[in-house]
Amino acid sequence: MNLPRVLDVVADRTIVPGYTKLGFLLRKRFWQPLPPDALRGKRVVITGANSGLGKAAAAGMARLGASIRLVVRDTERGERAKAEILGEIPGADLHVDRCDVSDLDDVRRFAGTLTGLDVLVHNAGTMPPERAETAQGNEIALATHVLGPHLLTSLLTPALRDGEPGRVLFVSSGGMYTQPLRVDDPQYRRGEYNGTKAYARTKRMQVVLALLWGRRLECDGITVHGVHPGWAATPGVTDSLPGFAKVMGPLLRDAEQGADTVVWLAAAEEGGRAEHTGQFWHDRAPRPAHYLRRTRETAVQRDALWQFCEERTRR
């Protein structure tokens, strides 16, 4: 194992050096830049693109020539994000679309407006302070992070087949390392509800879904990745975890650093390689999906998650 790889692994396993801007700056020294036209002509959909990681990913891909659809719940905020990106990248090809990813009916409506597609980025996220349900009766973190993305991926698979090659990215979180796959209580109805735990549980589900979708879409030439951004100073962190943001403030990554691997997986050759599909990435390298034995799921549990998602999204 060469020195850069040794430093990378050590930073990853010790968490704070790897997840903060320190890890990003260390690893960046060994990266090759993407070609300036790496996404020229590519069609990209990014959910939750009005701020934070989604907006930064949109800007990063626009710089590489992609046509971006900013998928947001609030079109006014989406238009503001579009204007801000255009201020940085004049002439960027940006479009704002309204869709509440947690609302499965709205997901079906939105999917019906799309045809060809190269990259689908599931970035929309939420950390509810208390348990709430959508119109379809799904816990809102589960609906936003798991059910909506699962349905959207299914509906857009025909469009992604036209991609060269099509790619699907689930923006997860390092927080998922603390949680096992809870197929026994996916709707979080048991015990006292905790928004941070609900977030981590559903982020674990995303990583498993990336693996399962990767296996199912490989024969279509579509690669699927899970990715986590490290600890970034985004509205999701500063608003939902103010104590954590205050303590870690100077070490938090900015949104562009957090979104780097999302942009890289969308554009780089590695992002389209079949042997990489279904893996979990951080800072341009695949990472273990588990560090704790108690979080490891079985094949039966993974299949149960798939069946649950199929049942909840086909009603």
C-alpha atoms as a PDB file:
ATOM      1  CA  MET A   1       0.000   0.000   0.000  1.00  0.00           C
ATOM      2  CA  ASN A   2       1.557   3.333  -1.069  1.00  0.00           C
ATOM      3  CA  LEU A   3       1.898   6.364   1.199  1.00  0.00           C
ATOM      4  CA  PRO A   4      -1.096   8.351  -0.152  1.00  0.00           C
ATOM      5  CA  ARG A   5      -3.321   5.293   0.333  1.00  0.00           C
ATOM      6  CA  VAL A   6      -1.996   4.715   3.854  1.00  0.00           C
ATOM      7  CA  LEU A   7      -2.699   8.333   4.814  1.00  0.00           C
ATOM      8  CA  ASP A   8      -6.154   8.086   3.233  1.00  0.00           C
ATOM      9  CA  VAL A   9      -7.100   4.951   5.172  1.00  0.00           C
ATOM     10  CA  VAL A  10      -5.765   6.310   8.461  1.00  0.00           C
ATOM     11  CA  ALA A  11      -7.749   9.527   8.007  1.00  0.00           C
ATOM     12  CA  ASP A  12     -10.889   7.558   7.185  1.00  0.00           C
ATOM     13  CA  ARG A  13     -10.653   5.224  10.171  1.00  0.00           C
ATOM     14  CA  THR A  14      -9.943   8.024  12.644  1.00  0.00           C
ATOM     15  CA  ILE A  15     -13.069   9.880  11.423  1.00  0.00           C
ATOM     16  CA  VAL A  16     -12.366  13.481  12.502  1.00  0.00           C
ATOM     17  CA  PRO A  17      -9.307  13.930  10.256  1.00  0.00           C
ATOM     18  CA  GLY A  18     -11.088  12.162   7.397  1.00  0.00           C
ATOM     19  CA  TYR A  19     -14.538  13.728   7.556  1.00  0.00           C
ATOM     20  CA  THR A  20     -13.484  17.347   8.128  1.00  0.00           C
ATOM     21  CA  LYS A  21     -11.784  19.725   5.711  1.00  0.00           C
ATOM     22  CA  LEU A  22      -8.451  18.295   6.884  1.00  0.00           C
ATOM     23  CA  GLY A  23      -9.160  15.010   5.129  1.00  0.00           C
ATOM     24  CA  PHE A  24     -10.344  16.743   1.994  1.00  0.00           C
ATOM     25  CA  LEU A  25      -7.241  18.948   1.772  1.00  0.00           C
ATOM     26  CA  LEU A  26      -4.949  15.977   2.431  1.00  0.00           C
ATOM     27  CA  ARG A  27      -6.502  13.780  -0.248  1.00  0.00           C
ATOM     28  CA  LYS A  28      -6.954  16.544  -2.807  1.00  0.00           C
ATOM     29  CA  ARG A  29      -3.182  16.758  -3.232  1.00  0.00           C
ATOM     30  CA  PHE A  30      -3.215  13.354  -4.950  1.00  0.00           C
ATOM     31  CA  TRP A  31      -6.241  13.839  -7.243  1.00  0.00           C
ATOM     32  CA  GLN A  32      -6.201  14.432 -10.971  1.00  0.00           C
ATOM     33  CA  PRO A  33      -8.418  17.304 -12.164  1.00  0.00           C
ATOM     34  CA  LEU A  34     -11.487  16.517 -14.251  1.00  0.00           C
ATOM     35  CA  PRO A  35     -11.466  17.669 -17.887  1.00  0.00           C
ATOM     36  CA  PRO A  36     -13.243  21.066 -18.146  1.00  0.00           C
ATOM     37  CA  ASP A  37     -15.876  19.597 -20.495  1.00  0.00           C
ATOM     38  CA  ALA A  38     -16.318  16.269 -18.666  1.00  0.00           C
ATOM     39  CA  LEU A  39     -20.114  16.629 -18.540  1.00  0.00           C
ATOM     40  CA  ARG A  40     -20.671  18.480 -21.805  1.00  0.00           C
ATOM     41  CA  GLY A  41     -24.057  17.491 -23.186  1.00  0.00           C
ATOM     42  CA  LYS A  42     -25.008  15.418 -20.116  1.00  0.00           C
ATOM     43  CA  ARG A  43     -28.472  15.763 -18.585  1.00  0.00           C
ATOM     44  CA  VAL A  44     -28.529  15.807 -14.779  1.00  0.00           C
ATOM     45  CA  VAL A  45     -31.332  15.808 -12.195  1.00  0.00           C
ATOM     46  CA  ILE A  46     -30.450  16.859  -8.631  1.00  0.00           C
ATOM     47  CA  THR A  47     -33.048  16.801  -5.862  1.00  0.00           C
ATOM     48  CA  GLY A  48     -32.793  19.244  -2.976  1.00  0.00           C
ATOM     49  CA  ALA A  49     -30.743  21.562  -5.180  1.00  0.00           C
ATOM     50  CA  ASN A  50     -31.713  24.955  -3.752  1.00  0.00           C
ATOM     51  CA  SER A  51     -28.961  25.079  -1.101  1.00  0.00           C
ATOM     52  CA  GLY A  52     -26.059  23.278   0.540  1.00  0.00           C
ATOM     53  CA  LEU A  53     -24.647  20.172  -1.116  1.00  0.00           C
ATOM     54  CA  GLY A  54     -27.295  20.038  -3.837  1.00  0.00           C
ATOM     55  CA  LYS A  55     -26.633  23.579  -4.965  1.00  0.00           C
ATOM     56  CA  ALA A  56     -22.864  23.055  -4.806  1.00  0.00           C
ATOM     57  CA  ALA A  57     -23.165  19.850  -6.840  1.00  0.00           C
ATOM     58  CA  ALA A  58     -25.282  21.669  -9.408  1.00  0.00           C
ATOM     59  CA  ALA A  59     -22.682  24.429  -9.716  1.00  0.00           C
ATOM     60  CA  GLY A  60     -19.847  21.914  -9.980  1.00  0.00           C
ATOM     61  CA  MET A  61     -21.560  19.955 -12.741  1.00  0.00           C
ATOM     62  CA  ALA A  62     -22.629  23.108 -14.570  1.00  0.00           C
ATOM     63  CA  ARG A  63     -18.972  24.171 -14.691  1.00  0.00           C
ATOM     64  CA  LEU A  64     -18.253  20.891 -16.475  1.00  0.00           C
ATOM     65  CA  GLY A  65     -20.898  21.598 -19.108  1.00  0.00           C
ATOM     66  CA  ALA A  66     -23.937  19.651 -17.850  1.00  0.00           C
ATOM     67  CA  SER A  67     -27.565  20.648 -18.309  1.00  0.00           C
ATOM     68  CA  ILE A  68     -28.995  20.670 -14.774  1.00  0.00           C
ATOM     69  CA  ARG A  69     -32.548  20.328 -13.500  1.00  0.00           C
ATOM     70  CA  LEU A  70     -32.737  21.748  -9.989  1.00  0.00           C
ATOM     71  CA  VAL A  71     -35.514  19.778  -8.276  1.00  0.00           C
ATOM     72  CA  VAL A  72     -36.914  21.656  -5.277  1.00  0.00           C
ATOM     73  CA  ARG A  73     -40.047  21.913  -3.143  1.00  0.00           C
ATOM     74  CA  ASP A  74     -40.010  25.718  -3.179  1.00  0.00           C
ATOM     75  CA  THR A  75     -39.596  27.127  -6.688  1.00  0.00           C
ATOM     76  CA  GLU A  76     -38.888  30.631  -5.377  1.00  0.00           C
ATOM     77  CA  ARG A  77     -35.845  29.312  -3.513  1.00  0.00           C
ATOM     78  CA  GLY A  78     -34.949  27.246  -6.540  1.00  0.00           C
ATOM     79  CA  GLU A  79     -34.993  30.285  -8.811  1.00  0.00           C
ATOM     80  CA  ARG A  80     -32.833  32.148  -6.308  1.00  0.00           C
ATOM     81  CA  ALA A  81     -30.309  29.294  -6.331  1.00  0.00           C
ATOM     82  CA  LYS A  82     -30.375  29.284 -10.130  1.00  0.00           C
ATOM     83  CA  ALA A  83     -29.655  33.017 -10.244  1.00  0.00           C
ATOM     84  CA  GLU A  84     -26.772  32.628  -7.787  1.00  0.00           C
ATOM     85  CA  ILE A  85     -25.211  29.833  -9.835  1.00  0.00           C
ATOM     86  CA  LEU A  86     -25.621  31.842 -13.033  1.00  0.00           C
ATOM     87  CA  GLY A  87     -23.830  34.698 -11.286  1.00  0.00           C
ATOM     88  CA  GLU A  88     -20.842  32.388 -10.849  1.00  0.00           C
ATOM     89  CA  ILE A  89     -21.190  30.526 -14.152  1.00  0.00           C
ATOM     90  CA  PRO A  90     -22.722  32.775 -16.834  1.00  0.00           C
ATOM     91  CA  GLY A  91     -24.502  30.767 -19.506  1.00  0.00           C
ATOM     92  CA  ALA A  92     -24.985  27.663 -17.351  1.00  0.00           C
ATOM     93  CA  ASP A  93     -27.870  25.487 -18.568  1.00  0.00           C
ATOM     94  CA  LEU A  94     -30.152  25.385 -15.509  1.00  0.00           C
ATOM     95  CA  HIS A  95     -33.845  24.603 -15.091  1.00  0.00           C
ATOM     96  CA  VAL A  96     -35.956  24.670 -11.924  1.00  0.00           C
ATOM     97  CA  ASP A  97     -38.531  21.928 -11.322  1.00  0.00           C
ATOM     98  CA  ARG A  98     -40.915  21.600  -8.396  1.00  0.00           C
ATOM     99  CA  CYS A  99     -41.204  18.220  -6.699  1.00  0.00           C
ATOM    100  CA  ASP A 100     -41.656  17.143  -3.092  1.00  0.00           C
ATOM    101  CA  VAL A 101     -39.670  13.913  -3.059  1.00  0.00           C
ATOM    102  CA  SER A 102     -41.449  12.743   0.103  1.00  0.00           C
ATOM    103  CA  ASP A 103     -44.810  12.834  -1.725  1.00  0.00           C
ATOM    104  CA  LEU A 104     -45.007   9.747  -3.921  1.00  0.00           C
ATOM    105  CA  ASP A 105     -47.805  11.202  -6.044  1.00  0.00           C
ATOM    106  CA  ASP A 106     -45.671  14.265  -6.742  1.00  0.00           C
ATOM    107  CA  VAL A 107     -42.735  12.009  -7.639  1.00  0.00           C
ATOM    108  CA  ARG A 108     -44.904  10.220 -10.209  1.00  0.00           C
ATOM    109  CA  ARG A 109     -46.024  13.546 -11.683  1.00  0.00           C
ATOM    110  CA  PHE A 110     -42.480  14.882 -11.933  1.00  0.00           C
ATOM    111  CA  ALA A 111     -41.056  11.678 -13.417  1.00  0.00           C
ATOM    112  CA  GLY A 112     -43.632  11.948 -16.185  1.00  0.00           C
ATOM    113  CA  THR A 113     -42.066  15.230 -17.330  1.00  0.00           C
ATOM    114  CA  LEU A 114     -38.631  13.683 -18.023  1.00  0.00           C
ATOM    115  CA  THR A 115     -37.316  11.792 -21.030  1.00  0.00           C
ATOM    116  CA  GLY A 116     -33.579  11.319 -21.586  1.00  0.00           C
ATOM    117  CA  LEU A 117     -31.323  11.436 -18.525  1.00  0.00           C
ATOM    118  CA  ASP A 118     -27.655  10.751 -17.779  1.00  0.00           C
ATOM    119  CA  VAL A 119     -27.230  11.385 -14.035  1.00  0.00           C
ATOM    120  CA  LEU A 120     -29.784  11.214 -11.206  1.00  0.00           C
ATOM    121  CA  VAL A 121     -28.653  12.584  -7.838  1.00  0.00           C
ATOM    122  CA  HIS A 122     -30.785  11.791  -4.775  1.00  0.00           C
ATOM    123  CA  ASN A 123     -29.746  14.622  -2.474  1.00  0.00           C
ATOM    124  CA  ALA A 124     -32.970  15.936  -0.882  1.00  0.00           C
ATOM    125  CA  GLY A 125     -32.812  15.476   2.881  1.00  0.00           C
ATOM    126  CA  THR A 126     -34.554  16.248   6.130  1.00  0.00           C
ATOM    127  CA  MET A 127     -34.009  15.757   9.866  1.00  0.00           C
ATOM    128  CA  PRO A 128     -37.464  16.103  11.466  1.00  0.00           C
ATOM    129  CA  PRO A 129     -37.611  17.322  15.093  1.00  0.00           C
ATOM    130  CA  GLU A 130     -40.585  15.026  15.708  1.00  0.00           C
ATOM    131  CA  ARG A 131     -42.290  12.163  13.949  1.00  0.00           C
ATOM    132  CA  ALA A 132     -44.582  13.179  11.082  1.00  0.00           C
ATOM    133  CA  GLU A 133     -46.147  11.376   8.154  1.00  0.00           C
ATOM    134  CA  THR A 134     -46.699  12.229   4.506  1.00  0.00           C
ATOM    135  CA  ALA A 135     -50.036  12.121   2.708  1.00  0.00           C
ATOM    136  CA  GLN A 136     -49.359   8.455   1.922  1.00  0.00           C
ATOM    137  CA  GLY A 137     -48.794   7.620   5.596  1.00  0.00           C
ATOM    138  CA  ASN A 138     -45.004   7.282   5.499  1.00  0.00           C
ATOM    139  CA  GLU A 139     -42.624   8.654   8.130  1.00  0.00           C
ATOM    140  CA  ILE A 140     -41.173  11.767   6.540  1.00  0.00           C
ATOM    141  CA  ALA A 141     -37.433  10.981   6.774  1.00  0.00           C
ATOM    142  CA  LEU A 142     -38.101   7.525   5.325  1.00  0.00           C
ATOM    143  CA  ALA A 143     -40.217   8.999   2.537  1.00  0.00           C
ATOM    144  CA  THR A 144     -37.650  11.682   1.678  1.00  0.00           C
ATOM    145  CA  HIS A 145     -34.499   9.578   1.803  1.00  0.00           C
ATOM    146  CA  VAL A 146     -35.735   6.133   0.804  1.00  0.00           C
ATOM    147  CA  LEU A 147     -39.205   5.733  -0.686  1.00  0.00           C
ATOM    148  CA  GLY A 148     -39.192   8.828  -2.910  1.00  0.00           C
ATOM    149  CA  PRO A 149     -35.726   8.070  -4.319  1.00  0.00           C
ATOM    150  CA  HIS A 150     -36.609   4.405  -4.797  1.00  0.00           C
ATOM    151  CA  LEU A 151     -39.715   5.301  -6.773  1.00  0.00           C
ATOM    152  CA  LEU A 152     -37.962   8.008  -8.792  1.00  0.00           C
ATOM    153  CA  THR A 153     -35.143   5.619  -9.713  1.00  0.00           C
ATOM    154  CA  SER A 154     -37.666   3.029 -10.839  1.00  0.00           C
ATOM    155  CA  LEU A 155     -39.669   5.499 -12.931  1.00  0.00           C
ATOM    156  CA  LEU A 156     -36.573   7.041 -14.529  1.00  0.00           C
ATOM    157  CA  THR A 157     -34.790   3.786 -15.352  1.00  0.00           C
ATOM    158  CA  PRO A 158     -35.974   3.921 -19.000  1.00  0.00           C
ATOM    159  CA  ALA A 159     -34.621   7.479 -19.305  1.00  0.00           C
ATOM    160  CA  LEU A 160     -31.331   6.480 -17.658  1.00  0.00           C
ATOM    161  CA  ARG A 161     -30.844   3.664 -20.175  1.00  0.00           C
ATOM    162  CA  ASP A 162     -30.255   6.400 -22.734  1.00  0.00           C
ATOM    163  CA  GLY A 163     -27.373   7.786 -20.641  1.00  0.00           C
ATOM    164  CA  GLU A 164     -23.776   7.162 -21.718  1.00  0.00           C
ATOM    165  CA  PRO A 165     -23.600   5.556 -19.210  1.00  0.00           C
ATOM    166  CA  GLY A 166     -26.489   6.363 -16.875  1.00  0.00           C
ATOM    167  CA  ARG A 167     -25.526   6.991 -13.251  1.00  0.00           C
ATOM    168  CA  VAL A 168     -27.543   7.178 -10.011  1.00  0.00           C
ATOM    169  CA  LEU A 169     -26.077   8.711  -6.846  1.00  0.00           C
ATOM    170  CA  PHE A 170     -27.525   8.443  -3.338  1.00  0.00           C
ATOM    171  CA  VAL A 171     -26.083  11.202  -1.136  1.00  0.00           C
ATOM    172  CA  SER A 172     -25.949   9.468   2.236  1.00  0.00           C
ATOM    173  CA  SER A 173     -24.145  10.392   5.457  1.00  0.00           C
ATOM    174  CA  GLY A 174     -21.305   9.079   7.580  1.00  0.00           C
ATOM    175  CA  GLY A 175     -23.862   9.035  10.380  1.00  0.00           C
ATOM    176  CA  MET A 176     -25.283   5.844   8.880  1.00  0.00           C
ATOM    177  CA  TYR A 177     -22.283   3.960  10.299  1.00  0.00           C
ATOM    178  CA  THR A 178     -23.914   4.123  13.745  1.00  0.00           C
ATOM    179  CA  GLN A 179     -27.139   2.404  12.702  1.00  0.00           C
ATOM    180  CA  PRO A 180     -28.124  -1.085  11.558  1.00  0.00           C
ATOM    181  CA  LEU A 181     -30.704  -1.732   8.854  1.00  0.00           C
ATOM    182  CA  ARG A 182     -34.061  -1.566  10.668  1.00  0.00           C
ATOM    183  CA  VAL A 183     -36.402  -3.588   8.468  1.00  0.00           C
ATOM    184  CA  ASP A 184     -38.306  -4.588  11.602  1.00  0.00           C
ATOM    185  CA  ASP A 185     -39.462  -0.980  12.140  1.00  0.00           C
ATOM    186  CA  PRO A 186     -38.817   1.037   8.952  1.00  0.00           C
ATOM    187  CA  GLN A 187     -41.536   3.577   9.779  1.00  0.00           C
ATOM    188  CA  TYR A 188     -40.014   4.275  13.229  1.00  0.00           C
ATOM    189  CA  ARG A 189     -43.238   3.585  15.147  1.00  0.00           C
ATOM    190  CA  ARG A 190     -41.567   1.907  18.142  1.00  0.00           C
ATOM    191  CA  GLY A 191     -39.984   3.716  21.035  1.00  0.00           C
ATOM    192  CA  GLU A 192     -39.358   7.415  21.450  1.00  0.00           C
ATOM    193  CA  TYR A 193     -38.775   9.127  18.126  1.00  0.00           C
ATOM    194  CA  ASN A 194     -35.414  10.791  17.584  1.00  0.00           C
ATOM    195  CA  GLY A 195     -34.897  12.854  14.416  1.00  0.00           C
ATOM    196  CA  THR A 196     -31.136  12.388  14.342  1.00  0.00           C
ATOM    197  CA  LYS A 197     -31.527   8.623  14.661  1.00  0.00           C
ATOM    198  CA  ALA A 198     -34.282   8.579  12.028  1.00  0.00           C
ATOM    199  CA  TYR A 199     -31.931  10.435   9.697  1.00  0.00           C
ATOM    200  CA  ALA A 200     -29.088   7.956  10.291  1.00  0.00           C
ATOM    201  CA  ARG A 201     -31.386   4.933   9.953  1.00  0.00           C
ATOM    202  CA  THR A 202     -32.687   6.069   6.581  1.00  0.00           C
ATOM    203  CA  LYS A 203     -29.197   6.985   5.412  1.00  0.00           C
ATOM    204  CA  ARG A 204     -28.200   3.369   6.161  1.00  0.00           C
ATOM    205  CA  MET A 205     -31.152   2.282   4.036  1.00  0.00           C
ATOM    206  CA  GLN A 206     -29.877   4.458   1.184  1.00  0.00           C
ATOM    207  CA  VAL A 207     -26.519   2.683   1.208  1.00  0.00           C
ATOM    208  CA  VAL A 208     -28.252  -0.689   1.029  1.00  0.00           C
ATOM    209  CA  LEU A 209     -30.526   0.546  -1.747  1.00  0.00           C
ATOM    210  CA  ALA A 210     -27.519   1.732  -3.741  1.00  0.00           C
ATOM    211  CA  LEU A 211     -26.118  -1.796  -3.503  1.00  0.00           C
ATOM    212  CA  LEU A 212     -29.421  -3.393  -4.541  1.00  0.00           C
ATOM    213  CA  TRP A 213     -30.125  -0.963  -7.367  1.00  0.00           C
ATOM    214  CA  GLY A 214     -26.546  -1.385  -8.567  1.00  0.00           C
ATOM    215  CA  ARG A 215     -27.082  -5.120  -8.971  1.00  0.00           C
ATOM    216  CA  ARG A 216     -30.418  -4.687 -10.741  1.00  0.00           C
ATOM    217  CA  LEU A 217     -29.319  -1.986 -13.186  1.00  0.00           C
ATOM    218  CA  GLU A 218     -25.871  -3.318 -14.048  1.00  0.00           C
ATOM    219  CA  CYS A 219     -27.231  -5.208 -17.044  1.00  0.00           C
ATOM    220  CA  ASP A 220     -28.706  -1.917 -18.339  1.00  0.00           C
ATOM    221  CA  GLY A 221     -25.321  -0.202 -18.250  1.00  0.00           C
ATOM    222  CA  ILE A 222     -26.432   2.025 -15.354  1.00  0.00           C
ATOM    223  CA  THR A 223     -24.089   2.390 -12.371  1.00  0.00           C
ATOM    224  CA  VAL A 224     -25.324   3.258  -8.890  1.00  0.00           C
ATOM    225  CA  HIS A 225     -23.309   4.715  -6.030  1.00  0.00           C
ATOM    226  CA  GLY A 226     -23.795   5.684  -2.414  1.00  0.00           C
ATOM    227  CA  VAL A 227     -21.653   8.623  -1.299  1.00  0.00           C
ATOM    228  CA  HIS A 228     -21.147  10.636   1.843  1.00  0.00           C
ATOM    229  CA  PRO A 229     -19.824  14.203   1.892  1.00  0.00           C
ATOM    230  CA  GLY A 230     -18.012  14.237   5.198  1.00  0.00           C
ATOM    231  CA  TRP A 231     -18.935  16.942   7.690  1.00  0.00           C
ATOM    232  CA  ALA A 232     -19.895  20.062   5.769  1.00  0.00           C
ATOM    233  CA  ALA A 233     -21.209  23.432   6.909  1.00  0.00           C
ATOM    234  CA  THR A 234     -24.556  23.218   5.107  1.00  0.00           C
ATOM    235  CA  PRO A 235     -27.985  24.457   6.274  1.00  0.00           C
ATOM    236  CA  GLY A 236     -28.908  20.859   7.104  1.00  0.00           C
ATOM    237  CA  VAL A 237     -26.062  20.640   9.619  1.00  0.00           C
ATOM    238  CA  THR A 238     -26.110  24.170  11.038  1.00  0.00           C
ATOM    239  CA  ASP A 239     -29.916  24.232  11.452  1.00  0.00           C
ATOM    240  CA  SER A 240     -30.501  20.664  12.625  1.00  0.00           C
ATOM    241  CA  LEU A 241     -27.318  20.135  14.664  1.00  0.00           C
ATOM    242  CA  PRO A 242     -26.329  23.600  15.923  1.00  0.00           C
ATOM    243  CA  GLY A 243     -24.288  22.231  18.841  1.00  0.00           C
ATOM    244  CA  PHE A 244     -22.246  19.994  16.574  1.00  0.00           C
ATOM    245  CA  ALA A 245     -21.775  22.829  14.068  1.00  0.00           C
ATOM    246  CA  LYS A 246     -20.591  25.182  16.811  1.00  0.00           C
ATOM    247  CA  VAL A 247     -18.023  22.741  18.181  1.00  0.00           C
ATOM    248  CA  MET A 248     -16.731  21.589  14.786  1.00  0.00           C
ATOM    249  CA  GLY A 249     -17.175  24.936  13.010  1.00  0.00           C
ATOM    250  CA  PRO A 250     -13.573  25.693  11.991  1.00  0.00           C
ATOM    251  CA  LEU A 251     -13.064  22.135  10.754  1.00  0.00           C
ATOM    252  CA  LEU A 252     -16.274  21.729   8.761  1.00  0.00           C
ATOM    253  CA  ARG A 253     -15.963  21.502   5.007  1.00  0.00           C
ATOM    254  CA  ASP A 254     -17.657  24.054   2.812  1.00  0.00           C
ATOM    255  CA  ALA A 255     -20.465  22.864   0.534  1.00  0.00           C
ATOM    256  CA  GLU A 256     -18.218  22.662  -2.519  1.00  0.00           C
ATOM    257  CA  GLN A 257     -15.777  20.371  -0.700  1.00  0.00           C
ATOM    258  CA  GLY A 258     -18.660  18.231   0.548  1.00  0.00           C
ATOM    259  CA  ALA A 259     -20.118  17.916  -2.958  1.00  0.00           C
ATOM    260  CA  ASP A 260     -16.798  17.141  -4.667  1.00  0.00           C
ATOM    261  CA  THR A 261     -17.218  13.359  -4.822  1.00  0.00           C
ATOM    262  CA  VAL A 262     -20.791  13.684  -6.075  1.00  0.00           C
ATOM    263  CA  VAL A 263     -19.544  15.794  -8.992  1.00  0.00           C
ATOM    264  CA  TRP A 264     -16.589  13.468  -9.537  1.00  0.00           C
ATOM    265  CA  LEU A 265     -18.730  10.315  -9.623  1.00  0.00           C
ATOM    266  CA  ALA A 266     -21.053  11.977 -12.132  1.00  0.00           C
ATOM    267  CA  ALA A 267     -18.193  12.952 -14.429  1.00  0.00           C
ATOM    268  CA  ALA A 268     -15.194  10.656 -13.942  1.00  0.00           C
ATOM    269  CA  GLU A 269     -14.576   7.417 -15.780  1.00  0.00           C
ATOM    270  CA  GLU A 270     -14.617   5.548 -12.465  1.00  0.00           C
ATOM    271  CA  GLY A 271     -18.225   6.598 -11.929  1.00  0.00           C
ATOM    272  CA  GLY A 272     -19.310   4.538 -14.925  1.00  0.00           C
ATOM    273  CA  ARG A 273     -17.333   1.374 -14.306  1.00  0.00           C
ATOM    274  CA  ALA A 274     -19.533  -1.650 -13.697  1.00  0.00           C
ATOM    275  CA  GLU A 275     -17.116  -3.122 -11.147  1.00  0.00           C
ATOM    276  CA  HIS A 276     -17.688  -0.092  -8.912  1.00  0.00           C
ATOM    277  CA  THR A 277     -21.494  -0.154  -8.961  1.00  0.00           C
ATOM    278  CA  GLY A 278     -23.323  -0.359  -5.638  1.00  0.00           C
ATOM    279  CA  GLN A 279     -20.363   0.814  -3.556  1.00  0.00           C
ATOM    280  CA  PHE A 280     -20.167   3.514  -0.888  1.00  0.00           C
ATOM    281  CA  TRP A 281     -17.810   6.429  -1.630  1.00  0.00           C
ATOM    282  CA  HIS A 282     -16.132   9.259   0.245  1.00  0.00           C
ATOM    283  CA  ASP A 283     -13.464  11.621  -1.081  1.00  0.00           C
ATOM    284  CA  ARG A 284     -13.203   9.858  -4.437  1.00  0.00           C
ATOM    285  CA  ALA A 285     -12.587   6.391  -3.033  1.00  0.00           C
ATOM    286  CA  PRO A 286     -14.845   3.446  -2.158  1.00  0.00           C
ATOM    287  CA  ARG A 287     -15.221   2.910   1.596  1.00  0.00           C
ATOM    288  CA  PRO A 288     -16.448   0.035   3.762  1.00  0.00           C
ATOM    289  CA  ALA A 289     -20.195   0.082   4.311  1.00  0.00           C
ATOM    290  CA  HIS A 290     -19.688  -1.070   7.925  1.00  0.00           C
ATOM    291  CA  TYR A 291     -17.165  -0.496  10.682  1.00  0.00           C
ATOM    292  CA  LEU A 292     -19.222  -2.020  13.532  1.00  0.00           C
ATOM    293  CA  ARG A 293     -20.230  -5.670  13.618  1.00  0.00           C
ATOM    294  CA  ARG A 294     -23.608  -4.816  15.168  1.00  0.00           C
ATOM    295  CA  THR A 295     -24.643  -2.806  12.098  1.00  0.00           C
ATOM    296  CA  ARG A 296     -24.082  -5.559   9.539  1.00  0.00           C
ATOM    297  CA  GLU A 297     -27.231  -6.713   7.779  1.00  0.00           C
ATOM    298  CA  THR A 298     -27.974 -10.073   6.200  1.00  0.00           C
ATOM    299  CA  ALA A 299     -29.026 -10.789   2.625  1.00  0.00           C
ATOM    300  CA  VAL A 300     -32.481 -11.604   3.986  1.00  0.00           C
ATOM    301  CA  GLN A 301     -32.717  -8.153   5.574  1.00  0.00           C
ATOM    302  CA  ARG A 302     -31.589  -6.462   2.372  1.00  0.00           C
ATOM    303  CA  ASP A 303     -34.243  -8.342   0.425  1.00  0.00           C
ATOM    304  CA  ALA A 304     -36.824  -7.342   3.043  1.00  0.00           C
ATOM    305  CA  LEU A 305     -35.946  -3.658   2.538  1.00  0.00           C
ATOM    306  CA  TRP A 306     -36.367  -4.017  -1.208  1.00  0.00           C
ATOM    307  CA  GLN A 307     -39.731  -5.729  -0.806  1.00  0.00           C
ATOM    308  CA  PHE A 308     -40.890  -3.065   1.653  1.00  0.00           C
ATOM    309  CA  CYS A 309     -39.937  -0.258  -0.750  1.00  0.00           C
ATOM    310  CA  GLU A 310     -41.666  -2.006  -3.634  1.00  0.00           C
ATOM    311  CA  GLU A 311     -44.860  -2.456  -1.631  1.00  0.00           C
ATOM    312  CA  ARG A 312     -44.957   1.119  -0.293  1.00  0.00           C
ATOM    313  CA  THR A 313     -44.273   2.760  -3.656  1.00  0.00           C
ATOM    314  CA  ARG A 314     -46.709   0.741  -5.774  1.00  0.00           C
ATOM    315  CA  ARG A 315     -49.899   1.593  -3.925  1.00  0.00           C
END
